[in-house]
Amino acid sequence: MHTNNRRFVIAVVGLNAFVFSAPVFAYLDPGSGSVLLQGILAALAAIGVTVKLYWHRLLRLLGLKRKSAQKGTEQAGSGNYHHEEADSSQKDDS
């Protein structure tokens, strides 16, 4: 399904939900507001943690921070030791 068709279907379904809906007389007690507030605060906390985790990636994407060239070589235990050892043994054989 193409993107334009999908948007059209979503718009039609959403419009039908509002046009053909019946009035609902519901009571919302104070606990409902508390749950709504907790949901909003949880969403804000999740957004904050996500931004914190991906902050450096976001800065690089926006071009505000350069990617360091020697990032992989400076880290101790980066897992390259095994590959370097295999490369050096191949050089000795030839």
Protein backbone atom coordinates (compact mmCIF):
# COMPACT_ATOMS: atom_id res chain seq x y z
CA MET A 1 0.00 0.00 0.00
CA HIS A 2 1.39 3.38 -0.95
CA THR A 3 1.91 6.07 1.64
CA ASN A 4 -0.78 8.34 0.17
CA ASN A 5 -3.36 5.51 0.18
CA ARG A 6 -2.46 4.64 3.77
CA ARG A 7 -2.90 8.26 4.85
CA PHE A 8 -6.25 8.42 3.08
CA VAL A 9 -7.49 5.26 4.81
CA ILE A 10 -6.36 6.56 8.22
CA ALA A 11 -8.09 9.89 7.57
CA VAL A 12 -11.36 8.22 6.54
CA VAL A 13 -11.37 5.87 9.53
CA GLY A 14 -10.55 8.75 11.89
CA LEU A 15 -13.27 10.94 10.40
CA ASN A 16 -15.83 8.13 10.72
CA ALA A 17 -14.90 7.68 14.36
CA PHE A 18 -15.86 11.30 15.06
CA VAL A 19 -18.88 11.58 12.77
CA PHE A 20 -20.65 8.37 13.76
CA SER A 21 -19.83 8.33 17.45
CA ALA A 22 -22.58 8.41 20.05
CA PRO A 23 -22.38 10.66 23.10
CA VAL A 24 -20.94 8.93 26.13
CA PHE A 25 -21.82 10.01 29.65
CA ALA A 26 -18.89 8.86 31.70
CA TYR A 27 -17.70 9.85 35.13
CA LEU A 28 -14.01 10.56 35.54
CA ASP A 29 -13.02 10.42 39.16
CA PRO A 30 -9.92 12.16 40.59
CA GLY A 31 -7.95 8.90 40.28
CA SER A 32 -8.32 9.12 36.49
CA GLY A 33 -6.61 12.50 36.48
CA SER A 34 -3.83 11.08 38.61
CA VAL A 35 -3.29 8.21 36.18
CA LEU A 36 -3.29 10.66 33.27
CA LEU A 37 -0.70 12.83 35.03
CA GLN A 38 1.47 9.78 35.77
CA GLY A 39 1.31 8.75 32.10
CA ILE A 40 2.39 12.21 30.96
CA LEU A 41 5.26 12.29 33.47
CA ALA A 42 6.36 8.79 32.44
CA ALA A 43 6.36 9.82 28.78
CA LEU A 44 8.46 12.90 29.59
CA ALA A 45 10.90 10.76 31.59
CA ALA A 46 11.18 8.27 28.72
CA ILE A 47 11.85 11.08 26.25
CA GLY A 48 14.50 12.52 28.59
CA VAL A 49 16.29 9.19 28.97
CA THR A 50 16.18 8.57 25.21
CA VAL A 51 17.63 12.01 24.48
CA LYS A 52 20.35 11.44 27.06
CA LEU A 53 21.29 8.08 25.56
CA TYR A 54 21.43 9.39 21.98
CA TRP A 55 22.64 12.96 22.67
CA HIS A 56 26.06 12.61 21.02
CA ARG A 57 24.54 10.87 18.01
CA LEU A 58 22.00 13.68 17.70
CA LEU A 59 24.74 16.31 17.81
CA ARG A 60 26.68 14.50 15.06
CA LEU A 61 23.51 14.24 12.98
CA LEU A 62 22.94 17.98 13.29
CA GLY A 63 26.58 18.66 12.46
CA LEU A 64 27.35 20.26 15.81
CA LYS A 65 29.94 17.67 16.83
CA ARG A 66 32.57 15.88 14.78
CA LYS A 67 33.10 12.15 14.94
CA SER A 68 36.45 11.39 16.58
CA ALA A 69 38.85 9.64 14.18
CA GLN A 70 40.68 7.53 16.77
CA LYS A 71 37.70 6.32 18.77
CA GLY A 72 38.22 2.60 18.09
CA THR A 73 42.00 2.58 18.56
CA GLU A 74 42.06 4.33 21.93
CA GLN A 75 39.58 2.07 23.68
CA ALA A 76 41.18 -0.67 25.74
CA GLY A 77 39.76 -4.12 25.10
CA SER A 78 38.02 -3.12 21.93
CA GLY A 79 38.23 -6.68 20.60
CA ASN A 80 40.73 -5.90 17.86
CA TYR A 81 43.57 -7.86 19.49
CA HIS A 82 42.51 -11.18 18.01
CA HIS A 83 42.26 -9.73 14.50
CA GLU A 84 45.62 -7.98 14.76
CA GLU A 85 47.24 -11.22 15.95
CA ALA A 86 45.74 -13.13 13.00
CA ASP A 87 46.92 -10.43 10.58
CA SER A 88 50.47 -10.54 11.91
CA SER A 89 50.61 -14.35 11.60
CA GLN A 90 49.49 -14.09 7.98
CA LYS A 91 52.25 -11.57 7.28
CA ASP A 92 54.88 -13.94 8.76
CA ASP A 93 53.78 -16.81 6.48
CA SER A 94 54.34 -14.93 3.24
